[in-house]
Amino acid sequence: LPSTAEAFLRMIEKEYKIPVDVGVLNNEVFINIAAAG
């Protein structure tokens, strides 16, 4: 994803959205990682 304001605005204006997976760990939700150790 873009990190500058101008590029981010251009992305917003396209209104392109995608469905993504999430993880459910016991009663919690994570979007990227569950880790231990």
ModelCIF file with pLDDT and N, C-alpha, C, O atoms, coordinates in Angstrom:
data_MODEL
#
_entry.id   MODEL 
#
_entity.id                         1 
_entity.type                       polymer 
_entity.pdbx_number_of_molecules   1 
#
_entity_poly.entity_id                      1 
_entity_poly.type                           'polypeptide(L)' 
_entity_poly.nstd_linkage                   no 
_entity_poly.nstd_monomer                   no 
_entity_poly.pdbx_seq_one_letter_code       LPSTAEAFLRMIEKEYKIPVDVGVLNNEVFINIAAAG 
_entity_poly.pdbx_seq_one_letter_code_can   LPSTAEAFLRMIEKEYKIPVDVGVLNNEVFINIAAAG 
_entity_poly.pdbx_strand_id                 A 
#
loop_
_entity_poly_seq.entity_id 
_entity_poly_seq.num 
_entity_poly_seq.mon_id 
_entity_poly_seq.hetero 
1 1  LEU n 
1 2  PRO n 
1 3  SER n 
1 4  THR n 
1 5  ALA n 
1 6  GLU n 
1 7  ALA n 
1 8  PHE n 
1 9  LEU n 
1 10 ARG n 
1 11 MET n 
1 12 ILE n 
1 13 GLU n 
1 14 LYS n 
1 15 GLU n 
1 16 TYR n 
1 17 LYS n 
1 18 ILE n 
1 19 PRO n 
1 20 VAL n 
1 21 ASP n 
1 22 VAL n 
1 23 GLY n 
1 24 VAL n 
1 25 LEU n 
1 26 ASN n 
1 27 ASN n 
1 28 GLU n 
1 29 VAL n 
1 30 PHE n 
1 31 ILE n 
1 32 ASN n 
1 33 ILE n 
1 34 ALA n 
1 35 ALA n 
1 36 ALA n 
1 37 GLY n 
#
_struct_asym.id          A 
_struct_asym.entity_id   1 
#
loop_
_ma_qa_metric.id 
_ma_qa_metric.mode 
_ma_qa_metric.name 
_ma_qa_metric.software_group_id 
_ma_qa_metric.type 
1 global pLDDT . pLDDT 
2 local  pLDDT . pLDDT 
#
_ma_qa_metric_global.metric_id      1 
_ma_qa_metric_global.metric_value   94.97 
_ma_qa_metric_global.model_id       1 
_ma_qa_metric_global.ordinal_id     1 
#
loop_
_ma_qa_metric_local.label_asym_id 
_ma_qa_metric_local.label_comp_id 
_ma_qa_metric_local.label_seq_id 
_ma_qa_metric_local.metric_id 
_ma_qa_metric_local.metric_value 
_ma_qa_metric_local.model_id 
_ma_qa_metric_local.ordinal_id 
A LEU 1  2 94.00 1 1  
A PRO 2  2 92.00 1 2  
A SER 3  2 87.00 1 3  
A THR 4  2 93.00 1 4  
A ALA 5  2 95.00 1 5  
A GLU 6  2 96.00 1 6  
A ALA 7  2 96.00 1 7  
A PHE 8  2 96.00 1 8  
A LEU 9  2 97.00 1 9  
A ARG 10 2 96.00 1 10 
A MET 11 2 97.00 1 11 
A ILE 12 2 95.00 1 12 
A GLU 13 2 95.00 1 13 
A LYS 14 2 95.00 1 14 
A GLU 15 2 93.00 1 15 
A TYR 16 2 96.00 1 16 
A LYS 17 2 96.00 1 17 
A ILE 18 2 98.00 1 18 
A PRO 19 2 98.00 1 19 
A VAL 20 2 98.00 1 20 
A ASP 21 2 98.00 1 21 
A VAL 22 2 98.00 1 22 
A GLY 23 2 98.00 1 23 
A VAL 24 2 98.00 1 24 
A LEU 25 2 97.00 1 25 
A ASN 26 2 94.00 1 26 
A ASN 27 2 87.00 1 27 
A GLU 28 2 94.00 1 28 
A VAL 29 2 96.00 1 29 
A PHE 30 2 97.00 1 30 
A ILE 31 2 96.00 1 31 
A ASN 32 2 94.00 1 32 
A ILE 33 2 94.00 1 33 
A ALA 34 2 95.00 1 34 
A ALA 35 2 93.00 1 35 
A ALA 36 2 93.00 1 36 
A GLY 37 2 89.00 1 37 
#
loop_
_atom_site.group_PDB 
_atom_site.id 
_atom_site.type_symbol 
_atom_site.label_atom_id 
_atom_site.label_alt_id 
_atom_site.label_comp_id 
_atom_site.label_asym_id 
_atom_site.label_entity_id 
_atom_site.label_seq_id 
_atom_site.pdbx_PDB_ins_code 
_atom_site.Cartn_x 
_atom_site.Cartn_y 
_atom_site.Cartn_z 
_atom_site.occupancy 
_atom_site.B_iso_or_equiv 
_atom_site.pdbx_formal_charge 
_atom_site.auth_seq_id 
_atom_site.auth_comp_id 
_atom_site.auth_asym_id 
_atom_site.auth_atom_id 
_atom_site.pdbx_PDB_model_num 
ATOM 1   N N  . LEU A 1 1  ? 0.830   -1.203  0.000  1.00 94.00 ? 1  LEU A N  1 
ATOM 2   C CA . LEU A 1 1  ? 0.000   0.000   0.000  1.00 94.00 ? 1  LEU A CA 1 
ATOM 3   C C  . LEU A 1 1  ? 0.864   1.253   0.000  1.00 94.00 ? 1  LEU A C  1 
ATOM 4   O O  . LEU A 1 1  ? 1.963   1.244   0.555  1.00 94.00 ? 1  LEU A O  1 
ATOM 5   N N  . PRO A 1 2  ? 0.387   2.322   -0.611 1.00 92.00 ? 2  PRO A N  1 
ATOM 6   C CA . PRO A 1 2  ? 1.164   3.574   -0.658 1.00 92.00 ? 2  PRO A CA 1 
ATOM 7   C C  . PRO A 1 2  ? 1.279   4.200   0.723  1.00 92.00 ? 2  PRO A C  1 
ATOM 8   O O  . PRO A 1 2  ? 0.399   4.048   1.570  1.00 92.00 ? 2  PRO A O  1 
ATOM 9   N N  . SER A 1 3  ? 2.385   4.907   0.928  1.00 87.00 ? 3  SER A N  1 
ATOM 10  C CA . SER A 1 3  ? 2.622   5.542   2.225  1.00 87.00 ? 3  SER A CA 1 
ATOM 11  C C  . SER A 1 3  ? 2.622   7.064   2.140  1.00 87.00 ? 3  SER A C  1 
ATOM 12  O O  . SER A 1 3  ? 2.745   7.731   3.167  1.00 87.00 ? 3  SER A O  1 
ATOM 13  N N  . THR A 1 4  ? 2.487   7.630   0.937  1.00 93.00 ? 4  THR A N  1 
ATOM 14  C CA . THR A 1 4  ? 2.404   9.089   0.808  1.00 93.00 ? 4  THR A CA 1 
ATOM 15  C C  . THR A 1 4  ? 0.943   9.499   0.662  1.00 93.00 ? 4  THR A C  1 
ATOM 16  O O  . THR A 1 4  ? 0.114   8.720   0.192  1.00 93.00 ? 4  THR A O  1 
ATOM 17  N N  . ALA A 1 5  ? 0.638   10.715  1.066  1.00 95.00 ? 5  ALA A N  1 
ATOM 18  C CA . ALA A 1 5  ? -0.744  11.197  1.037  1.00 95.00 ? 5  ALA A CA 1 
ATOM 19  C C  . ALA A 1 5  ? -1.308  11.216  -0.379 1.00 95.00 ? 5  ALA A C  1 
ATOM 20  O O  . ALA A 1 5  ? -2.448  10.807  -0.599 1.00 95.00 ? 5  ALA A O  1 
ATOM 21  N N  . GLU A 1 6  ? -0.520  11.685  -1.335 1.00 96.00 ? 6  GLU A N  1 
ATOM 22  C CA . GLU A 1 6  ? -1.011  11.800  -2.711 1.00 96.00 ? 6  GLU A CA 1 
ATOM 23  C C  . GLU A 1 6  ? -1.328  10.430  -3.312 1.00 96.00 ? 6  GLU A C  1 
ATOM 24  O O  . GLU A 1 6  ? -2.376  10.245  -3.931 1.00 96.00 ? 6  GLU A O  1 
ATOM 25  N N  . ALA A 1 7  ? -0.430  9.488   -3.128 1.00 96.00 ? 7  ALA A N  1 
ATOM 26  C CA . ALA A 1 7  ? -0.645  8.149   -3.682 1.00 96.00 ? 7  ALA A CA 1 
ATOM 27  C C  . ALA A 1 7  ? -1.800  7.445   -2.985 1.00 96.00 ? 7  ALA A C  1 
ATOM 28  O O  . ALA A 1 7  ? -2.554  6.702   -3.615 1.00 96.00 ? 7  ALA A O  1 
ATOM 29  N N  . PHE A 1 8  ? -1.934  7.676   -1.701 1.00 96.00 ? 8  PHE A N  1 
ATOM 30  C CA . PHE A 1 8  ? -3.024  7.056   -0.945 1.00 96.00 ? 8  PHE A CA 1 
ATOM 31  C C  . PHE A 1 8  ? -4.375  7.595   -1.415 1.00 96.00 ? 8  PHE A C  1 
ATOM 32  O O  . PHE A 1 8  ? -5.337  6.839   -1.546 1.00 96.00 ? 8  PHE A O  1 
ATOM 33  N N  . LEU A 1 9  ? -4.443  8.898   -1.666 1.00 97.00 ? 9  LEU A N  1 
ATOM 34  C CA . LEU A 1 9  ? -5.679  9.493   -2.178 1.00 97.00 ? 9  LEU A CA 1 
ATOM 35  C C  . LEU A 1 9  ? -6.057  8.883   -3.526 1.00 97.00 ? 9  LEU A C  1 
ATOM 36  O O  . LEU A 1 9  ? -7.224  8.572   -3.763 1.00 97.00 ? 9  LEU A O  1 
ATOM 37  N N  . ARG A 1 10 ? -5.081  8.713   -4.400 1.00 96.00 ? 10 ARG A N  1 
ATOM 38  C CA . ARG A 1 10 ? -5.367  8.105   -5.705 1.00 96.00 ? 10 ARG A CA 1 
ATOM 39  C C  . ARG A 1 10 ? -5.932  6.692   -5.534 1.00 96.00 ? 10 ARG A C  1 
ATOM 40  O O  . ARG A 1 10 ? -6.829  6.289   -6.274 1.00 96.00 ? 10 ARG A O  1 
ATOM 41  N N  . MET A 1 11 ? -5.412  5.946   -4.569 1.00 97.00 ? 11 MET A N  1 
ATOM 42  C CA . MET A 1 11 ? -5.923  4.603   -4.309 1.00 97.00 ? 11 MET A CA 1 
ATOM 43  C C  . MET A 1 11 ? -7.368  4.659   -3.807 1.00 97.00 ? 11 MET A C  1 
ATOM 44  O O  . MET A 1 11 ? -8.211  3.878   -4.248 1.00 97.00 ? 11 MET A O  1 
ATOM 45  N N  . ILE A 1 12 ? -7.646  5.565   -2.901 1.00 95.00 ? 12 ILE A N  1 
ATOM 46  C CA . ILE A 1 12 ? -9.003  5.714   -2.350 1.00 95.00 ? 12 ILE A CA 1 
ATOM 47  C C  . ILE A 1 12 ? -10.004 6.008   -3.462 1.00 95.00 ? 12 ILE A C  1 
ATOM 48  O O  . ILE A 1 12 ? -11.102 5.452   -3.476 1.00 95.00 ? 12 ILE A O  1 
ATOM 49  N N  . GLU A 1 13 ? -9.629  6.872   -4.382 1.00 95.00 ? 13 GLU A N  1 
ATOM 50  C CA . GLU A 1 13 ? -10.549 7.301   -5.431 1.00 95.00 ? 13 GLU A CA 1 
ATOM 51  C C  . GLU A 1 13 ? -10.906 6.173   -6.396 1.00 95.00 ? 13 GLU A C  1 
ATOM 52  O O  . GLU A 1 13 ? -11.961 6.215   -7.029 1.00 95.00 ? 13 GLU A O  1 
ATOM 53  N N  . LYS A 1 14 ? -10.051 5.176   -6.514 1.00 95.00 ? 14 LYS A N  1 
ATOM 54  C CA . LYS A 1 14 ? -10.359 4.030   -7.382 1.00 95.00 ? 14 LYS A CA 1 
ATOM 55  C C  . LYS A 1 14 ? -11.453 3.137   -6.789 1.00 95.00 ? 14 LYS A C  1 
ATOM 56  O O  . LYS A 1 14 ? -12.143 2.427   -7.521 1.00 95.00 ? 14 LYS A O  1 
ATOM 57  N N  . GLU A 1 15 ? -11.608 3.176   -5.458 1.00 93.00 ? 15 GLU A N  1 
ATOM 58  C CA . GLU A 1 15 ? -12.629 2.400   -4.747 1.00 93.00 ? 15 GLU A CA 1 
ATOM 59  C C  . GLU A 1 15 ? -12.536 0.900   -5.052 1.00 93.00 ? 15 GLU A C  1 
ATOM 60  O O  . GLU A 1 15 ? -13.548 0.213   -5.185 1.00 93.00 ? 15 GLU A O  1 
ATOM 61  N N  . TYR A 1 16 ? -11.314 0.422   -5.156 1.00 96.00 ? 16 TYR A N  1 
ATOM 62  C CA . TYR A 1 16 ? -11.096 -1.007  -5.435 1.00 96.00 ? 16 TYR A CA 1 
ATOM 63  C C  . TYR A 1 16 ? -10.931 -1.733  -4.105 1.00 96.00 ? 16 TYR A C  1 
ATOM 64  O O  . TYR A 1 16 ? -9.934  -1.539  -3.410 1.00 96.00 ? 16 TYR A O  1 
ATOM 65  N N  . LYS A 1 17 ? -11.897 -2.562  -3.753 1.00 96.00 ? 17 LYS A N  1 
ATOM 66  C CA . LYS A 1 17 ? -11.821 -3.272  -2.481 1.00 96.00 ? 17 LYS A CA 1 
ATOM 67  C C  . LYS A 1 17 ? -11.795 -4.776  -2.711 1.00 96.00 ? 17 LYS A C  1 
ATOM 68  O O  . LYS A 1 17 ? -12.405 -5.296  -3.644 1.00 96.00 ? 17 LYS A O  1 
ATOM 69  N N  . ILE A 1 18 ? -11.065 -5.459  -1.827 1.00 98.00 ? 18 ILE A N  1 
ATOM 70  C CA . ILE A 1 18 ? -10.926 -6.907  -1.950 1.00 98.00 ? 18 ILE A CA 1 
ATOM 71  C C  . ILE A 1 18 ? -11.318 -7.584  -0.639 1.00 98.00 ? 18 ILE A C  1 
ATOM 72  O O  . ILE A 1 18 ? -11.076 -7.040  0.438  1.00 98.00 ? 18 ILE A O  1 
ATOM 73  N N  . PRO A 1 19 ? -11.927 -8.777  -0.727 1.00 98.00 ? 19 PRO A N  1 
ATOM 74  C CA . PRO A 1 19 ? -12.194 -9.540  0.498  1.00 98.00 ? 19 PRO A CA 1 
ATOM 75  C C  . PRO A 1 19 ? -10.927 -10.242 0.950  1.00 98.00 ? 19 PRO A C  1 
ATOM 76  O O  . PRO A 1 19 ? -10.210 -10.815 0.130  1.00 98.00 ? 19 PRO A O  1 
ATOM 77  N N  . VAL A 1 20 ? -10.640 -10.206 2.242  1.00 98.00 ? 20 VAL A N  1 
ATOM 78  C CA . VAL A 1 20 ? -9.441  -10.864 2.763  1.00 98.00 ? 20 VAL A CA 1 
ATOM 79  C C  . VAL A 1 20 ? -9.808  -11.762 3.940  1.00 98.00 ? 20 VAL A C  1 
ATOM 80  O O  . VAL A 1 20 ? -10.801 -11.540 4.631  1.00 98.00 ? 20 VAL A O  1 
ATOM 81  N N  . ASP A 1 21 ? -8.979  -12.777 4.144  1.00 98.00 ? 21 ASP A N  1 
ATOM 82  C CA . ASP A 1 21 ? -9.184  -13.716 5.239  1.00 98.00 ? 21 ASP A CA 1 
ATOM 83  C C  . ASP A 1 21 ? -8.789  -13.090 6.573  1.00 98.00 ? 21 ASP A C  1 
ATOM 84  O O  . ASP A 1 21 ? -7.942  -12.199 6.626  1.00 98.00 ? 21 ASP A O  1 
ATOM 85  N N  . VAL A 1 22 ? -9.413  -13.566 7.645  1.00 98.00 ? 22 VAL A N  1 
ATOM 86  C CA . VAL A 1 22 ? -8.959  -13.247 8.993  1.00 98.00 ? 22 VAL A CA 1 
ATOM 87  C C  . VAL A 1 22 ? -8.843  -14.551 9.771  1.00 98.00 ? 22 VAL A C  1 
ATOM 88  O O  . VAL A 1 22 ? -9.422  -15.571 9.397  1.00 98.00 ? 22 VAL A O  1 
ATOM 89  N N  . GLY A 1 23 ? -8.089  -14.497 10.851 1.00 98.00 ? 23 GLY A N  1 
ATOM 90  C CA . GLY A 1 23 ? -7.966  -15.645 11.737 1.00 98.00 ? 23 GLY A CA 1 
ATOM 91  C C  . GLY A 1 23 ? -8.745  -15.412 13.015 1.00 98.00 ? 23 GLY A C  1 
ATOM 92  O O  . GLY A 1 23 ? -8.817  -14.290 13.517 1.00 98.00 ? 23 GLY A O  1 
ATOM 93  N N  . VAL A 1 24 ? -9.326  -16.478 13.536 1.00 98.00 ? 24 VAL A N  1 
ATOM 94  C CA . VAL A 1 24 ? -9.995  -16.425 14.838 1.00 98.00 ? 24 VAL A CA 1 
ATOM 95  C C  . VAL A 1 24 ? -9.245  -17.362 15.779 1.00 98.00 ? 24 VAL A C  1 
ATOM 96  O O  . VAL A 1 24 ? -9.195  -18.571 15.556 1.00 98.00 ? 24 VAL A O  1 
ATOM 97  N N  . LEU A 1 25 ? -8.667  -16.796 16.824 1.00 97.00 ? 25 LEU A N  1 
ATOM 98  C CA . LEU A 1 25 ? -7.869  -17.530 17.797 1.00 97.00 ? 25 LEU A CA 1 
ATOM 99  C C  . LEU A 1 25 ? -8.591  -17.500 19.128 1.00 97.00 ? 25 LEU A C  1 
ATOM 100 O O  . LEU A 1 25 ? -8.689  -16.450 19.764 1.00 97.00 ? 25 LEU A O  1 
ATOM 101 N N  . ASN A 1 26 ? -9.101  -18.658 19.555 1.00 94.00 ? 26 ASN A N  1 
ATOM 102 C CA . ASN A 1 26 ? -9.970  -18.707 20.727 1.00 94.00 ? 26 ASN A CA 1 
ATOM 103 C C  . ASN A 1 26 ? -11.088 -17.677 20.533 1.00 94.00 ? 26 ASN A C  1 
ATOM 104 O O  . ASN A 1 26 ? -11.960 -17.884 19.689 1.00 94.00 ? 26 ASN A O  1 
ATOM 105 N N  . ASN A 1 27 ? -11.087 -16.587 21.280 1.00 87.00 ? 27 ASN A N  1 
ATOM 106 C CA . ASN A 1 27 ? -12.126 -15.577 21.090 1.00 87.00 ? 27 ASN A CA 1 
ATOM 107 C C  . ASN A 1 27 ? -11.572 -14.281 20.490 1.00 87.00 ? 27 ASN A C  1 
ATOM 108 O O  . ASN A 1 27 ? -12.262 -13.262 20.475 1.00 87.00 ? 27 ASN A O  1 
ATOM 109 N N  . GLU A 1 28 ? -10.343 -14.316 20.002 1.00 94.00 ? 28 GLU A N  1 
ATOM 110 C CA . GLU A 1 28 ? -9.719  -13.130 19.438 1.00 94.00 ? 28 GLU A CA 1 
ATOM 111 C C  . GLU A 1 28 ? -9.617  -13.237 17.916 1.00 94.00 ? 28 GLU A C  1 
ATOM 112 O O  . GLU A 1 28 ? -9.690  -14.325 17.344 1.00 94.00 ? 28 GLU A O  1 
ATOM 113 N N  . VAL A 1 29 ? -9.448  -12.081 17.281 1.00 96.00 ? 29 VAL A N  1 
ATOM 114 C CA . VAL A 1 29 ? -9.331  -12.010 15.824 1.00 96.00 ? 29 VAL A CA 1 
ATOM 115 C C  . VAL A 1 29 ? -7.950  -11.473 15.473 1.00 96.00 ? 29 VAL A C  1 
ATOM 116 O O  . VAL A 1 29 ? -7.447  -10.559 16.127 1.00 96.00 ? 29 VAL A O  1 
ATOM 117 N N  . PHE A 1 30 ? -7.331  -12.051 14.425 1.00 97.00 ? 30 PHE A N  1 
ATOM 118 C CA . PHE A 1 30 ? -6.095  -11.467 13.923 1.00 97.00 ? 30 PHE A CA 1 
ATOM 119 C C  . PHE A 1 30 ? -6.160  -11.408 12.404 1.00 97.00 ? 30 PHE A C  1 
ATOM 120 O O  . PHE A 1 30 ? -6.843  -12.206 11.762 1.00 97.00 ? 30 PHE A O  1 
ATOM 121 N N  . ILE A 1 31 ? -5.441  -10.455 11.850 1.00 96.00 ? 31 ILE A N  1 
ATOM 122 C CA . ILE A 1 31 ? -5.460  -10.263 10.410 1.00 96.00 ? 31 ILE A CA 1 
ATOM 123 C C  . ILE A 1 31 ? -4.132  -10.640 9.767  1.00 96.00 ? 31 ILE A C  1 
ATOM 124 O O  . ILE A 1 31 ? -4.075  -10.889 8.563  1.00 96.00 ? 31 ILE A O  1 
ATOM 125 N N  . ASN A 1 32 ? -3.055  -10.685 10.568 1.00 94.00 ? 32 ASN A N  1 
ATOM 126 C CA . ASN A 1 32 ? -1.733  -10.934 9.991  1.00 94.00 ? 32 ASN A CA 1 
ATOM 127 C C  . ASN A 1 32 ? -1.048  -12.163 10.573 1.00 94.00 ? 32 ASN A C  1 
ATOM 128 O O  . ASN A 1 32 ? -0.616  -13.032 9.815  1.00 94.00 ? 32 ASN A O  1 
ATOM 129 N N  . ILE A 1 33 ? -0.934  -12.263 11.898 1.00 94.00 ? 33 ILE A N  1 
ATOM 130 C CA . ILE A 1 33 ? -0.137  -13.338 12.473 1.00 94.00 ? 33 ILE A CA 1 
ATOM 131 C C  . ILE A 1 33 ? -0.532  -13.645 13.910 1.00 94.00 ? 33 ILE A C  1 
ATOM 132 O O  . ILE A 1 33 ? -0.914  -12.759 14.674 1.00 94.00 ? 33 ILE A O  1 
ATOM 133 N N  . ALA A 1 34 ? -0.429  -14.922 14.257 1.00 95.00 ? 34 ALA A N  1 
ATOM 134 C CA . ALA A 1 34 ? -0.439  -15.378 15.645 1.00 95.00 ? 34 ALA A CA 1 
ATOM 135 C C  . ALA A 1 34 ? 0.865   -16.128 15.848 1.00 95.00 ? 34 ALA A C  1 
ATOM 136 O O  . ALA A 1 34 ? 1.200   -17.010 15.056 1.00 95.00 ? 34 ALA A O  1 
ATOM 137 N N  . ALA A 1 35 ? 1.610   -15.791 16.901 1.00 93.00 ? 35 ALA A N  1 
ATOM 138 C CA . ALA A 1 35 ? 2.932   -16.386 17.075 1.00 93.00 ? 35 ALA A CA 1 
ATOM 139 C C  . ALA A 1 35 ? 3.264   -16.512 18.553 1.00 93.00 ? 35 ALA A C  1 
ATOM 140 O O  . ALA A 1 35 ? 2.715   -15.799 19.393 1.00 93.00 ? 35 ALA A O  1 
ATOM 141 N N  . ALA A 1 36 ? 4.175   -17.434 18.853 1.00 93.00 ? 36 ALA A N  1 
ATOM 142 C CA . ALA A 1 36 ? 4.639   -17.609 20.223 1.00 93.00 ? 36 ALA A CA 1 
ATOM 143 C C  . ALA A 1 36 ? 6.030   -18.224 20.207 1.00 93.00 ? 36 ALA A C  1 
ATOM 144 O O  . ALA A 1 36 ? 6.403   -18.929 19.269 1.00 93.00 ? 36 ALA A O  1 
ATOM 145 N N  . GLY A 1 37 ? 6.790   -17.946 21.261 1.00 89.00 ? 37 GLY A N  1 
ATOM 146 C CA . GLY A 1 37 ? 8.137   -18.479 21.368 1.00 89.00 ? 37 GLY A CA 1 
ATOM 147 C C  . GLY A 1 37 ? 9.177   -17.379 21.348 1.00 89.00 ? 37 GLY A C  1 
ATOM 148 O O  . GLY A 1 37 ? 10.373  -17.659 21.429 1.00 89.00 ? 37 GLY A O  1 
#
